[in-house]
Protein backbone atom coordinates (compact mmCIF):
# COMPACT_ATOMS: atom_id res chain seq x y z
CA HIS A 1 18.71 -24.01 91.24
CA GLN A 2 21.31 -24.41 88.50
CA ASN A 3 18.81 -26.33 86.36
CA ALA A 4 16.23 -23.55 86.79
CA MET A 5 18.83 -20.96 85.83
CA GLN A 6 19.73 -22.86 82.67
CA THR A 7 16.07 -23.27 81.79
CA GLN A 8 15.41 -19.56 82.30
CA GLU A 9 18.47 -18.77 80.19
CA LYS A 10 17.20 -21.00 77.39
CA TYR A 11 13.76 -19.37 77.61
CA ASP A 12 15.44 -15.98 77.24
CA VAL A 13 17.41 -17.21 74.21
CA LYS A 14 14.20 -18.68 72.80
CA SER A 15 12.39 -15.38 73.36
CA ASP A 16 15.24 -13.45 71.72
CA LEU A 17 15.21 -15.83 68.73
CA GLU A 18 11.42 -15.56 68.40
CA THR A 19 11.72 -11.77 68.42
CA LYS A 20 14.50 -11.98 65.84
CA ILE A 21 12.33 -14.30 63.68
CA ALA A 22 9.42 -11.83 63.91
CA ASP A 23 11.72 -8.95 62.97
CA LEU A 24 13.12 -10.91 60.02
CA LYS A 25 9.61 -11.84 58.83
CA ASN A 26 8.66 -8.17 59.04
CA ALA A 27 11.82 -7.25 57.10
CA ILE A 28 11.01 -9.93 54.50
CA GLY A 29 7.51 -8.47 54.08
CA THR A 30 8.88 -4.94 53.75
CA LEU A 31 11.52 -6.05 51.27
CA ALA A 32 8.96 -8.06 49.27
CA ASP A 33 6.80 -4.93 49.06
CA GLY A 34 9.87 -2.95 48.00
CA ILE A 35 10.62 -5.54 45.32
CA GLU A 36 7.07 -5.28 43.99
CA VAL A 37 7.32 -1.48 43.92
CA ALA A 38 10.70 -1.71 42.18
CA LYS A 39 9.29 -4.15 39.60
CA ALA A 40 6.41 -1.75 38.95
CA GLU A 41 8.88 1.12 38.56
CA VAL A 42 11.01 -0.95 36.15
CA ALA A 43 7.92 -1.78 34.08
CA SER A 44 6.90 1.88 34.14
CA THR A 45 10.40 2.89 33.10
CA HIS A 46 10.35 0.42 30.20
CA VAL A 47 7.02 1.87 29.04
CA ALA A 48 8.42 5.41 29.37
CA MET A 49 11.53 4.38 27.42
CA LYS A 50 9.38 2.92 24.66
CA ARG A 51 7.28 6.09 24.51
CA ALA A 52 10.42 8.21 24.51
CA SER A 53 11.79 6.14 21.62
CA GLU A 54 8.56 6.56 19.67
CA ASN A 55 8.46 10.29 20.39
CA ARG A 56 12.10 10.63 19.42
CA GLU A 57 11.46 8.81 16.17
CA ALA A 58 8.54 11.12 15.39
CA GLN A 59 10.63 14.18 16.27
CA ASN A 60 13.40 12.95 14.01
CA LYS A 61 10.96 12.46 11.12
CA ASP A 62 9.68 16.01 11.65
CA PHE A 63 13.26 17.26 11.74
CA GLN A 64 14.14 15.42 8.53
CA MET A 65 11.03 16.81 6.83
CA THR A 66 11.76 20.35 8.03
CA VAL A 67 15.36 20.23 6.88
CA SER A 68 14.48 18.78 3.48
CA ASP A 69 11.70 21.37 3.02
CA GLN A 70 14.02 24.21 3.97
CA ARG A 71 16.78 22.99 1.70
CA ALA A 72 14.34 22.60 -1.20
CA THR A 73 13.00 26.09 -0.50
CA GLN A 74 16.52 27.48 -0.48
CA ALA A 75 17.38 25.75 -3.76
CA ILE A 76 14.22 26.95 -5.50
CA LEU A 77 14.59 30.50 -4.27
CA ALA A 78 18.28 30.55 -5.19
CA LYS A 79 17.30 29.57 -8.75
CA ALA A 80 14.64 32.31 -8.75
CA VAL A 81 17.20 34.91 -7.63
CA GLU A 82 19.62 33.66 -10.25
CA ARG A 83 16.98 33.96 -12.98
CA LEU A 84 15.89 37.40 -11.82
CA ASN A 85 19.47 38.62 -11.69
CA ALA A 86 20.13 37.17 -15.15
CA PHE A 87 16.97 38.78 -16.54
CA TYR A 88 17.65 42.20 -15.10
CA ALA A 89 21.36 42.05 -15.90
CA LYS A 90 20.70 41.35 -19.60
CA GLY A 91 19.87 44.94 -20.28
CA SER A 92 16.78 46.29 -21.82
CA SER A 93 17.29 45.06 -25.38
CA ILE A 94 14.01 43.10 -25.50
CA VAL A 95 12.07 46.00 -24.03
CA GLU A 96 13.70 48.46 -26.40
CA GLU A 97 12.76 46.26 -29.37
CA SER A 98 9.13 46.08 -28.26
CA HIS A 99 9.14 49.87 -27.70
CA HIS A 100 10.58 50.41 -31.17
CA LEU A 101 7.86 48.25 -32.73
CA ALA A 102 5.17 50.00 -30.73
CA SER A 103 6.44 53.45 -31.63
CA SER A 104 6.62 52.62 -35.35
CA LYS A 105 3.01 51.43 -35.22
CA SER A 106 1.94 54.49 -33.29
CA LEU A 107 3.48 56.74 -35.91
CA LYS A 108 1.15 55.15 -38.43
CA SER A 109 -1.90 55.77 -36.25
CA SER A 110 -3.14 59.22 -35.52
CA GLN A 111 -3.77 58.60 -31.84
CA GLY A 112 -0.85 59.01 -29.40
CA PRO A 113 -0.41 57.43 -26.01
CA PRO A 114 -2.70 58.62 -23.24
CA PRO A 115 -1.40 61.35 -20.95
CA GLY A 116 1.00 60.08 -18.30
CA PHE A 117 2.17 57.23 -20.51
CA GLY A 118 4.86 59.18 -22.27
CA GLY A 119 8.47 58.07 -22.32
CA SER A 120 9.99 54.77 -23.18
CA TYR A 121 9.38 51.32 -21.87
CA LYS A 122 11.94 50.02 -19.41
CA LYS A 123 12.33 47.23 -16.91
CA SER A 124 11.05 47.83 -13.44
CA GLY A 125 13.61 49.29 -11.09
CA GLY A 126 11.86 47.50 -8.21
CA ALA A 127 13.44 44.18 -9.08
CA SER A 128 16.20 44.74 -6.54
CA GLY A 129 13.52 44.89 -3.84
CA VAL A 130 12.06 41.59 -4.99
CA VAL A 131 15.51 39.99 -5.11
CA ALA A 132 16.28 41.35 -1.64
CA MET A 133 12.97 39.98 -0.34
CA ILE A 134 13.69 36.54 -1.81
CA GLU A 135 17.21 36.63 -0.34
CA GLY A 136 15.62 37.53 3.02
CA ILE A 137 13.35 34.50 2.74
CA ILE A 138 16.38 32.33 1.93
CA SER A 139 18.13 33.71 5.01
CA GLU A 140 15.07 32.97 7.16
CA SER A 141 14.94 29.47 5.70
CA LYS A 142 18.58 28.93 6.66
CA THR A 143 17.82 30.19 10.16
CA VAL A 144 14.88 27.78 10.45
CA GLU A 145 17.11 24.94 9.27
CA GLN A 146 19.83 25.88 11.77
CA ASP A 147 17.30 26.16 14.61
CA ALA A 148 15.85 22.78 13.67
CA THR A 149 19.33 21.24 13.65
CA GLU A 150 20.13 22.70 17.07
CA GLY A 151 16.76 21.50 18.40
CA GLU A 152 17.40 18.05 16.98
CA GLN A 153 20.79 17.87 18.67
CA ALA A 154 19.31 19.01 22.00
CA SER A 155 16.48 16.48 21.72
CA GLN A 156 18.87 13.68 20.85
CA THR A 157 21.12 14.55 23.81
CA ALA A 158 18.15 14.66 26.18
CA TYR A 159 16.87 11.34 24.83
CA GLU A 160 20.26 9.67 25.23
CA GLU A 161 20.55 11.01 28.79
CA PHE A 162 17.04 9.76 29.62
CA ILE A 163 17.81 6.28 28.26
CA LYS A 164 21.12 6.17 30.12
CA ASP A 165 19.45 7.19 33.39
CA SER A 166 16.59 4.75 32.84
CA ASN A 167 18.96 1.88 32.17
CA ALA A 168 20.93 2.74 35.27
């Protein structure tokens, strides 16, 4: 009877161990599948990181181009405003000289200026509007440059956060 009890006990231990082996094999299969999925995710993340790096590089080139274009625009327009201000600040000495020459010639001819063309020649008073418009364009250019800089900083921060998360 004692021998039968020991045998039955060993069969129970054997059965428990076989169940444990089956459970462990099942766990190994599940973990192996999980490892394969994780490897695929890592590969996918590496591809996404490479694409993000390429996109970031392209965005940075666009940013650099935008900033250089805006700065060049600002420099050119600043020179134009400077020249216009210098021209209109000079006075009307050149115009007065040309008017004097024209009036001395017209005295020699018998025909006068057509109606509505009386008076003297003078510089256009609308120059301040042109200068204001150019200054407005310069201001818009500065705004575009500032927006591009802020966008670049936001993109760089997002890229760095993505890379940090991906590496983790």
